[in-house]
C-alpha atoms as a PDB file:
ATOM      1  CA  UNK A   1       0.000   0.000   0.000  1.00  0.00           C
ATOM      2  CA  UNK A   2       1.128   3.561  -0.714  1.00  0.00           C
ATOM      3  CA  UNK A   3       1.013   5.722   2.413  1.00  0.00           C
ATOM      4  CA  UNK A   4      -0.861   9.014   2.154  1.00  0.00           C
ATOM      5  CA  UNK A   5       2.310  10.981   2.888  1.00  0.00           C
ATOM      6  CA  UNK A   6       3.939   9.306  -0.139  1.00  0.00           C
ATOM      7  CA  UNK A   7       0.993  10.212  -2.379  1.00  0.00           C
ATOM      8  CA  UNK A   8       1.426  13.816  -1.239  1.00  0.00           C
ATOM      9  CA  UNK A   9       5.208  13.676  -1.611  1.00  0.00           C
ATOM     10  CA  UNK A  10       4.701  12.492  -5.195  1.00  0.00           C
ATOM     11  CA  UNK A  11       2.858  15.674  -6.197  1.00  0.00           C
ATOM     12  CA  UNK A  12       4.913  17.688  -8.684  1.00  0.00           C
ATOM     13  CA  UNK A  13       4.433  21.417  -9.243  1.00  0.00           C
ATOM     14  CA  UNK A  14       3.190  22.498 -12.662  1.00  0.00           C
ATOM     15  CA  UNK A  15       2.025  25.858 -13.939  1.00  0.00           C
ATOM     16  CA  UNK A  16      -0.952  26.840 -11.823  1.00  0.00           C
ATOM     17  CA  UNK A  17      -1.025  23.708  -9.674  1.00  0.00           C
ATOM     18  CA  UNK A  18       0.292  20.206  -9.091  1.00  0.00           C
ATOM     19  CA  UNK A  19       0.144  16.859 -10.822  1.00  0.00           C
ATOM     20  CA  UNK A  20       0.193  13.448  -9.210  1.00  0.00           C
ATOM     21  CA  UNK A  21      -1.161   9.919  -9.254  1.00  0.00           C
ATOM     22  CA  UNK A  22      -3.970   8.070  -7.505  1.00  0.00           C
ATOM     23  CA  UNK A  23      -2.489   4.686  -6.552  1.00  0.00           C
ATOM     24  CA  UNK A  24      -4.683   1.633  -7.087  1.00  0.00           C
ATOM     25  CA  UNK A  25      -4.573   1.036  -3.340  1.00  0.00           C
ATOM     26  CA  UNK A  26      -6.581   4.226  -2.771  1.00  0.00           C
ATOM     27  CA  UNK A  27      -9.412   3.440  -5.194  1.00  0.00           C
ATOM     28  CA  UNK A  28     -13.050   3.009  -4.209  1.00  0.00           C
ATOM     29  CA  UNK A  29     -14.483   1.189  -7.172  1.00  0.00           C
ATOM     30  CA  UNK A  30     -13.588   3.154 -10.295  1.00  0.00           C
ATOM     31  CA  UNK A  31     -12.762   6.380  -8.487  1.00  0.00           C
ATOM     32  CA  UNK A  32     -10.435   7.592  -5.781  1.00  0.00           C
ATOM     33  CA  UNK A  33     -11.630   7.308  -2.183  1.00  0.00           C
ATOM     34  CA  UNK A  34     -13.330  10.617  -1.394  1.00  0.00           C
ATOM     35  CA  UNK A  35     -11.274  11.216   1.741  1.00  0.00           C
ATOM     36  CA  UNK A  36      -8.066  10.913  -0.286  1.00  0.00           C
ATOM     37  CA  UNK A  37      -9.261  13.350  -2.967  1.00  0.00           C
ATOM     38  CA  UNK A  38     -10.395  15.849  -0.320  1.00  0.00           C
ATOM     39  CA  UNK A  39      -7.140  15.458   1.623  1.00  0.00           C
ATOM     40  CA  UNK A  40      -5.101  16.180  -1.519  1.00  0.00           C
ATOM     41  CA  UNK A  41      -7.305  19.185  -2.275  1.00  0.00           C
ATOM     42  CA  UNK A  42      -6.775  20.494   1.262  1.00  0.00           C
ATOM     43  CA  UNK A  43      -3.020  19.996   1.018  1.00  0.00           C
ATOM     44  CA  UNK A  44      -2.999  22.005  -2.215  1.00  0.00           C
ATOM     45  CA  UNK A  45      -5.203  24.717  -0.716  1.00  0.00           C
ATOM     46  CA  UNK A  46      -2.908  25.139   2.289  1.00  0.00           C
ATOM     47  CA  UNK A  47       0.143  25.247   0.024  1.00  0.00           C
ATOM     48  CA  UNK A  48      -1.412  27.870  -2.253  1.00  0.00           C
ATOM     49  CA  UNK A  49      -1.382  30.764   0.231  1.00  0.00           C
ATOM     50  CA  UNK A  50       0.877  32.021   3.011  1.00  0.00           C
ATOM     51  CA  UNK A  51       0.126  31.956   6.725  1.00  0.00           C
ATOM     52  CA  UNK A  52      -3.452  30.730   6.498  1.00  0.00           C
ATOM     53  CA  UNK A  53      -5.491  30.711   9.744  1.00  0.00           C
ATOM     54  CA  UNK A  54      -7.009  27.441  11.036  1.00  0.00           C
ATOM     55  CA  UNK A  55      -9.364  25.471   8.826  1.00  0.00           C
ATOM     56  CA  UNK A  56     -13.002  25.987   9.836  1.00  0.00           C
ATOM     57  CA  UNK A  57     -15.087  24.431   7.096  1.00  0.00           C
ATOM     58  CA  UNK A  58     -14.897  22.369   3.923  1.00  0.00           C
ATOM     59  CA  UNK A  59     -17.544  22.205   1.200  1.00  0.00           C
ATOM     60  CA  UNK A  60     -16.852  19.314  -1.172  1.00  0.00           C
ATOM     61  CA  UNK A  61     -18.634  18.293  -4.368  1.00  0.00           C
ATOM     62  CA  UNK A  62     -17.835  14.895  -5.869  1.00  0.00           C
ATOM     63  CA  UNK A  63     -18.469  15.696  -9.505  1.00  0.00           C
ATOM     64  CA  UNK A  64     -16.993  12.746 -11.370  1.00  0.00           C
ATOM     65  CA  UNK A  65     -14.571   9.805 -11.162  1.00  0.00           C
ATOM     66  CA  UNK A  66     -10.908  10.339 -10.347  1.00  0.00           C
ATOM     67  CA  UNK A  67      -8.220   7.766 -11.060  1.00  0.00           C
ATOM     68  CA  UNK A  68      -4.718   7.486 -12.452  1.00  0.00           C
ATOM     69  CA  UNK A  69      -2.939  10.776 -13.261  1.00  0.00           C
ATOM     70  CA  UNK A  70      -4.562  13.787 -11.595  1.00  0.00           C
ATOM     71  CA  UNK A  71      -4.124  17.557 -11.638  1.00  0.00           C
ATOM     72  CA  UNK A  72      -4.841  19.742  -8.619  1.00  0.00           C
ATOM     73  CA  UNK A  73      -5.328  23.494  -8.856  1.00  0.00           C
ATOM     74  CA  UNK A  74      -6.014  25.807  -5.917  1.00  0.00           C
ATOM     75  CA  UNK A  75      -6.837  29.491  -5.946  1.00  0.00           C
ATOM     76  CA  UNK A  76      -7.722  32.156  -3.421  1.00  0.00           C
ATOM     77  CA  UNK A  77     -11.316  33.313  -3.785  1.00  0.00           C
ATOM     78  CA  UNK A  78     -11.169  35.962  -1.098  1.00  0.00           C
ATOM     79  CA  UNK A  79      -9.045  36.871   1.888  1.00  0.00           C
ATOM     80  CA  UNK A  80     -10.251  39.354   4.468  1.00  0.00           C
ATOM     81  CA  UNK A  81      -8.978  40.384   7.852  1.00  0.00           C
ATOM     82  CA  UNK A  82     -10.103  37.169   9.542  1.00  0.00           C
ATOM     83  CA  UNK A  83     -11.188  34.648   6.915  1.00  0.00           C
ATOM     84  CA  UNK A  84      -9.771  33.186   3.718  1.00  0.00           C
ATOM     85  CA  UNK A  85     -11.725  31.225   1.098  1.00  0.00           C
ATOM     86  CA  UNK A  86      -9.675  28.886  -1.110  1.00  0.00           C
ATOM     87  CA  UNK A  87     -11.063  26.752  -3.922  1.00  0.00           C
ATOM     88  CA  UNK A  88      -9.338  23.529  -4.994  1.00  0.00           C
ATOM     89  CA  UNK A  89     -10.174  21.425  -8.057  1.00  0.00           C
ATOM     90  CA  UNK A  90      -8.985  17.878  -8.680  1.00  0.00           C
ATOM     91  CA  UNK A  91      -9.252  16.565 -12.249  1.00  0.00           C
ATOM     92  CA  UNK A  92      -8.209  13.468 -14.187  1.00  0.00           C
ATOM     93  CA  UNK A  93      -8.536  12.292 -17.765  1.00  0.00           C
ATOM     94  CA  UNK A  94     -12.302  11.989 -17.228  1.00  0.00           C
ATOM     95  CA  UNK A  95     -12.507  15.695 -16.377  1.00  0.00           C
ATOM     96  CA  UNK A  96     -13.247  17.571 -13.169  1.00  0.00           C
ATOM     97  CA  UNK A  97     -13.740  15.082 -10.356  1.00  0.00           C
ATOM     98  CA  UNK A  98     -13.802  17.173  -7.184  1.00  0.00           C
ATOM     99  CA  UNK A  99     -14.312  20.821  -6.315  1.00  0.00           C
ATOM    100  CA  UNK A 100     -13.784  21.947  -2.742  1.00  0.00           C
ATOM    101  CA  UNK A 101     -14.100  25.302  -1.026  1.00  0.00           C
ATOM    102  CA  UNK A 102     -12.114  25.577   2.190  1.00  0.00           C
ATOM    103  CA  UNK A 103     -12.746  28.312   4.739  1.00  0.00           C
ATOM    104  CA  UNK A 104      -9.867  29.294   7.008  1.00  0.00           C
ATOM    105  CA  UNK A 105     -10.601  31.710   9.847  1.00  0.00           C
ATOM    106  CA  UNK A 106      -8.741  33.167  12.811  1.00  0.00           C
ATOM    107  CA  UNK A 107     -10.410  33.213  16.244  1.00  0.00           C
ATOM    108  CA  UNK A 108     -12.271  36.446  16.965  1.00  0.00           C
ATOM    109  CA  UNK A 109     -13.646  37.885  20.185  1.00  0.00           C
ATOM    110  CA  UNK A 110     -17.284  36.859  20.681  1.00  0.00           C
ATOM    111  CA  UNK A 111     -19.923  37.037  23.394  1.00  0.00           C
ATOM    112  CA  UNK A 112     -21.168  33.607  22.276  1.00  0.00           C
ATOM    113  CA  UNK A 113     -19.364  30.673  23.895  1.00  0.00           C
ATOM    114  CA  UNK A 114     -21.443  27.507  23.707  1.00  0.00           C
ATOM    115  CA  UNK A 115     -20.391  23.894  23.372  1.00  0.00           C
ATOM    116  CA  UNK A 116     -23.046  21.268  24.071  1.00  0.00           C
ATOM    117  CA  UNK A 117     -23.489  17.618  23.335  1.00  0.00           C
ATOM    118  CA  UNK A 118     -21.556  14.538  24.361  1.00  0.00           C
ATOM    119  CA  UNK A 119     -19.806  11.791  22.468  1.00  0.00           C
ATOM    120  CA  UNK A 120     -21.694   8.527  21.918  1.00  0.00           C
ATOM    121  CA  UNK A 121     -20.898   5.874  24.507  1.00  0.00           C
ATOM    122  CA  UNK A 122     -18.065   3.972  22.858  1.00  0.00           C
ATOM    123  CA  UNK A 123     -15.021   2.805  24.758  1.00  0.00           C
ATOM    124  CA  UNK A 124     -11.601   3.376  23.200  1.00  0.00           C
ATOM    125  CA  UNK A 125     -10.257   0.299  21.380  1.00  0.00           C
ATOM    126  CA  UNK A 126      -8.285  -2.048  23.585  1.00  0.00           C
ATOM    127  CA  UNK A 127      -6.357  -5.324  23.216  1.00  0.00           C
ATOM    128  CA  UNK A 128      -9.586  -7.323  23.477  1.00  0.00           C
ATOM    129  CA  UNK A 129     -11.205  -5.627  20.479  1.00  0.00           C
ATOM    130  CA  UNK A 130     -11.305  -7.113  17.014  1.00  0.00           C
ATOM    131  CA  UNK A 131      -9.644  -4.649  14.645  1.00  0.00           C
ATOM    132  CA  UNK A 132     -11.191  -4.600  11.167  1.00  0.00           C
ATOM    133  CA  UNK A 133      -8.641  -4.040   8.443  1.00  0.00           C
ATOM    134  CA  UNK A 134     -10.955  -3.118   5.623  1.00  0.00           C
ATOM    135  CA  UNK A 135     -12.664  -5.259   3.000  1.00  0.00           C
ATOM    136  CA  UNK A 136     -10.349  -7.025   0.504  1.00  0.00           C
ATOM    137  CA  UNK A 137     -12.613  -5.965  -2.384  1.00  0.00           C
ATOM    138  CA  UNK A 138     -12.499  -2.271  -1.386  1.00  0.00           C
ATOM    139  CA  UNK A 139      -8.940  -1.174  -2.061  1.00  0.00           C
ATOM    140  CA  UNK A 140      -8.813   2.085  -0.094  1.00  0.00           C
ATOM    141  CA  UNK A 141     -10.143   0.445   3.096  1.00  0.00           C
ATOM    142  CA  UNK A 142      -6.882  -1.464   3.479  1.00  0.00           C
ATOM    143  CA  UNK A 143      -5.269   1.832   4.548  1.00  0.00           C
ATOM    144  CA  UNK A 144      -7.381   1.983   7.720  1.00  0.00           C
ATOM    145  CA  UNK A 145      -7.991   0.149  10.967  1.00  0.00           C
ATOM    146  CA  UNK A 146     -11.533   0.117  12.349  1.00  0.00           C
ATOM    147  CA  UNK A 147     -13.260  -1.083  15.508  1.00  0.00           C
ATOM    148  CA  UNK A 148     -17.047  -1.526  15.393  1.00  0.00           C
ATOM    149  CA  UNK A 149     -19.389  -0.179  18.070  1.00  0.00           C
ATOM    150  CA  UNK A 150     -23.198  -0.507  18.453  1.00  0.00           C
ATOM    151  CA  UNK A 151     -23.645  -3.069  15.697  1.00  0.00           C
ATOM    152  CA  UNK A 152     -27.403  -3.383  16.279  1.00  0.00           C
ATOM    153  CA  UNK A 153     -28.522   0.054  15.043  1.00  0.00           C
ATOM    154  CA  UNK A 154     -30.114  -0.224  11.590  1.00  0.00           C
ATOM    155  CA  UNK A 155     -29.488   3.354  10.407  1.00  0.00           C
ATOM    156  CA  UNK A 156     -26.174   4.125  12.072  1.00  0.00           C
ATOM    157  CA  UNK A 157     -22.489   3.401  11.823  1.00  0.00           C
ATOM    158  CA  UNK A 158     -20.363   3.951  14.933  1.00  0.00           C
ATOM    159  CA  UNK A 159     -16.730   3.033  14.555  1.00  0.00           C
ATOM    160  CA  UNK A 160     -13.322   3.961  15.827  1.00  0.00           C
ATOM    161  CA  UNK A 161     -11.123   4.663  12.799  1.00  0.00           C
ATOM    162  CA  UNK A 162      -7.462   5.425  12.252  1.00  0.00           C
ATOM    163  CA  UNK A 163      -5.008   5.491   9.378  1.00  0.00           C
ATOM    164  CA  UNK A 164      -2.548   2.608   9.508  1.00  0.00           C
ATOM    165  CA  UNK A 165       0.295   4.918   8.488  1.00  0.00           C
ATOM    166  CA  UNK A 166      -0.227   8.519   9.536  1.00  0.00           C
ATOM    167  CA  UNK A 167       3.344   9.682  10.155  1.00  0.00           C
ATOM    168  CA  UNK A 168       4.454  12.902   8.510  1.00  0.00           C
ATOM    169  CA  UNK A 169       0.935  14.193   7.838  1.00  0.00           C
ATOM    170  CA  UNK A 170      -0.475  17.598   8.669  1.00  0.00           C
ATOM    171  CA  UNK A 171      -3.152  16.954  11.346  1.00  0.00           C
ATOM    172  CA  UNK A 172      -5.904  18.496   9.228  1.00  0.00           C
ATOM    173  CA  UNK A 173      -4.935  16.445   6.174  1.00  0.00           C
ATOM    174  CA  UNK A 174      -4.982  13.295   8.318  1.00  0.00           C
ATOM    175  CA  UNK A 175      -8.413  14.190   9.694  1.00  0.00           C
ATOM    176  CA  UNK A 176      -9.790  14.913   6.214  1.00  0.00           C
ATOM    177  CA  UNK A 177      -8.599  11.512   5.019  1.00  0.00           C
ATOM    178  CA  UNK A 178     -10.235   9.742   7.978  1.00  0.00           C
ATOM    179  CA  UNK A 179     -13.489  11.738   8.059  1.00  0.00           C
ATOM    180  CA  UNK A 180     -15.057  10.072   4.998  1.00  0.00           C
ATOM    181  CA  UNK A 181     -14.119   6.506   5.944  1.00  0.00           C
ATOM    182  CA  UNK A 182     -17.500   5.117   7.036  1.00  0.00           C
ATOM    183  CA  UNK A 183     -19.645   3.403   4.401  1.00  0.00           C
ATOM    184  CA  UNK A 184     -22.860   5.233   3.492  1.00  0.00           C
ATOM    185  CA  UNK A 185     -25.603   4.493   6.032  1.00  0.00           C
ATOM    186  CA  UNK A 186     -27.893   3.562   3.132  1.00  0.00           C
ATOM    187  CA  UNK A 187     -25.863   0.382   2.654  1.00  0.00           C
ATOM    188  CA  UNK A 188     -26.597  -0.681   6.216  1.00  0.00           C
ATOM    189  CA  UNK A 189     -30.298   0.002   5.697  1.00  0.00           C
ATOM    190  CA  UNK A 190     -30.238  -2.033   2.479  1.00  0.00           C
ATOM    191  CA  UNK A 191     -28.431  -4.869   4.197  1.00  0.00           C
ATOM    192  CA  UNK A 192     -26.454  -5.770   1.090  1.00  0.00           C
ATOM    193  CA  UNK A 193     -23.819  -4.353  -1.257  1.00  0.00           C
ATOM    194  CA  UNK A 194     -25.081  -1.871  -3.826  1.00  0.00           C
ATOM    195  CA  UNK A 195     -23.694   0.893  -6.042  1.00  0.00           C
ATOM    196  CA  UNK A 196     -23.581   4.178  -4.101  1.00  0.00           C
ATOM    197  CA  UNK A 197     -21.872   7.507  -4.698  1.00  0.00           C
ATOM    198  CA  UNK A 198     -21.308  10.484  -2.403  1.00  0.00           C
ATOM    199  CA  UNK A 199     -22.386  13.686  -4.126  1.00  0.00           C
ATOM    200  CA  UNK A 200     -21.743  16.484  -1.632  1.00  0.00           C
ATOM    201  CA  UNK A 201     -20.014  16.678   1.743  1.00  0.00           C
ATOM    202  CA  UNK A 202     -19.789  19.473   4.288  1.00  0.00           C
ATOM    203  CA  UNK A 203     -17.398  19.323   7.237  1.00  0.00           C
ATOM    204  CA  UNK A 204     -17.335  21.964   9.995  1.00  0.00           C
ATOM    205  CA  UNK A 205     -14.409  21.904  12.407  1.00  0.00           C
ATOM    206  CA  UNK A 206     -15.187  22.484  16.090  1.00  0.00           C
ATOM    207  CA  UNK A 207     -11.766  23.701  17.167  1.00  0.00           C
ATOM    208  CA  UNK A 208      -8.403  24.948  15.989  1.00  0.00           C
ATOM    209  CA  UNK A 209      -6.125  21.925  16.272  1.00  0.00           C
ATOM    210  CA  UNK A 210      -7.884  18.588  16.843  1.00  0.00           C
ATOM    211  CA  UNK A 211      -5.784  15.867  18.438  1.00  0.00           C
ATOM    212  CA  UNK A 212      -6.540  12.363  19.679  1.00  0.00           C
ATOM    213  CA  UNK A 213      -4.900   9.318  21.265  1.00  0.00           C
ATOM    214  CA  UNK A 214      -2.913   6.828  19.199  1.00  0.00           C
ATOM    215  CA  UNK A 215      -4.573   8.000  15.975  1.00  0.00           C
ATOM    216  CA  UNK A 216      -8.087   6.829  16.941  1.00  0.00           C
ATOM    217  CA  UNK A 217     -11.099   8.978  15.968  1.00  0.00           C
ATOM    218  CA  UNK A 218     -14.692   8.049  16.788  1.00  0.00           C
ATOM    219  CA  UNK A 219     -16.880   8.392  13.684  1.00  0.00           C
ATOM    220  CA  UNK A 220     -20.666   8.261  13.644  1.00  0.00           C
ATOM    221  CA  UNK A 221     -23.028   8.425  10.684  1.00  0.00           C
ATOM    222  CA  UNK A 222     -26.835   8.347  10.927  1.00  0.00           C
ATOM    223  CA  UNK A 223     -29.671   8.779   8.459  1.00  0.00           C
ATOM    224  CA  UNK A 224     -33.417   9.265   8.694  1.00  0.00           C
ATOM    225  CA  UNK A 225     -33.995   9.835   4.977  1.00  0.00           C
ATOM    226  CA  UNK A 226     -33.324   7.519   2.039  1.00  0.00           C
ATOM    227  CA  UNK A 227     -35.775   7.712  -0.829  1.00  0.00           C
ATOM    228  CA  UNK A 228     -35.877   7.752  -4.634  1.00  0.00           C
ATOM    229  CA  UNK A 229     -32.183   7.032  -4.879  1.00  0.00           C
ATOM    230  CA  UNK A 230     -31.045   9.785  -2.522  1.00  0.00           C
ATOM    231  CA  UNK A 231     -29.911   9.520   1.089  1.00  0.00           C
ATOM    232  CA  UNK A 232     -29.049  12.360   3.462  1.00  0.00           C
ATOM    233  CA  UNK A 233     -26.835  11.527   6.412  1.00  0.00           C
ATOM    234  CA  UNK A 234     -25.436  13.349   9.430  1.00  0.00           C
ATOM    235  CA  UNK A 235     -21.961  12.557  10.672  1.00  0.00           C
ATOM    236  CA  UNK A 236     -19.834  13.384  13.692  1.00  0.00           C
ATOM    237  CA  UNK A 237     -16.228  12.994  14.793  1.00  0.00           C
ATOM    238  CA  UNK A 238     -14.927  12.861  18.361  1.00  0.00           C
ATOM    239  CA  UNK A 239     -11.434  12.570  19.786  1.00  0.00           C
ATOM    240  CA  UNK A 240     -10.464   9.751  22.142  1.00  0.00           C
ATOM    241  CA  UNK A 241     -11.186  11.950  25.187  1.00  0.00           C
ATOM    242  CA  UNK A 242     -14.757  12.617  24.011  1.00  0.00           C
ATOM    243  CA  UNK A 243     -14.155  16.145  22.743  1.00  0.00           C
ATOM    244  CA  UNK A 244     -16.194  16.961  19.613  1.00  0.00           C
ATOM    245  CA  UNK A 245     -13.967  17.511  16.580  1.00  0.00           C
ATOM    246  CA  UNK A 246     -16.263  17.993  13.572  1.00  0.00           C
ATOM    247  CA  UNK A 247     -19.865  17.948  12.385  1.00  0.00           C
ATOM    248  CA  UNK A 248     -20.658  16.765   8.865  1.00  0.00           C
ATOM    249  CA  UNK A 249     -23.429  16.124   6.356  1.00  0.00           C
ATOM    250  CA  UNK A 250     -23.419  14.145   3.130  1.00  0.00           C
ATOM    251  CA  UNK A 251     -25.772  13.601   0.228  1.00  0.00           C
ATOM    252  CA  UNK A 252     -25.420  10.099  -1.204  1.00  0.00           C
ATOM    253  CA  UNK A 253     -26.832   8.630  -4.430  1.00  0.00           C
ATOM    254  CA  UNK A 254     -28.098   5.056  -4.057  1.00  0.00           C
ATOM    255  CA  UNK A 255     -28.482   3.007  -7.236  1.00  0.00           C
ATOM    256  CA  UNK A 256     -30.566   0.191  -5.770  1.00  0.00           C
END
């Protein structure tokens, strides 16, 4: 398997962007795993401007398949006193595959200071837990380790997830790669394999510099709507100590 840091290290600068390669070990069917594409887009966005503040939000559209040789281009849309908007596009021979808008923003003084909610009850993985190492038929999943929690819920995934090899990665790039790792909830509701495709993804960070223990992040995905080939799901990420890290939503196409 090609580690994510090596995929990033293999990016070569070209006029107006970078070119690289999606290794077969990071494919999800005929396209790159969405977390990899978004992580590469974020890396390019952060490299495109100087002294960016912390990442606050990512808006990602999965427009088409990405595989083989890719080109990444990032450009500043606007930079004000506190916030910077950077757009990143990832394209391959099939055309534009991903467009992401990243919002970076410095902390500002505010009278609002609210943080509510608790992490789902899910003990940190220990020696007694069975570690899932991905499905052999799903190439990208071999890059992760997963521990299942709350298997009984019919419209929920709850898993601890970590990259097998996460050394040398920017923390935000690592988190972006992990954040999309759960299968669509619609597959659990179907109870069988089926063609699915993420269409849009929004991730809002709930802090400046998320950190966890031994690489483990608790990921949850739930859905109360799946109809006419479209599923909407809510997702959350918590650190090992229970601190909330990110809130997410995804729109998923279901071809079954």
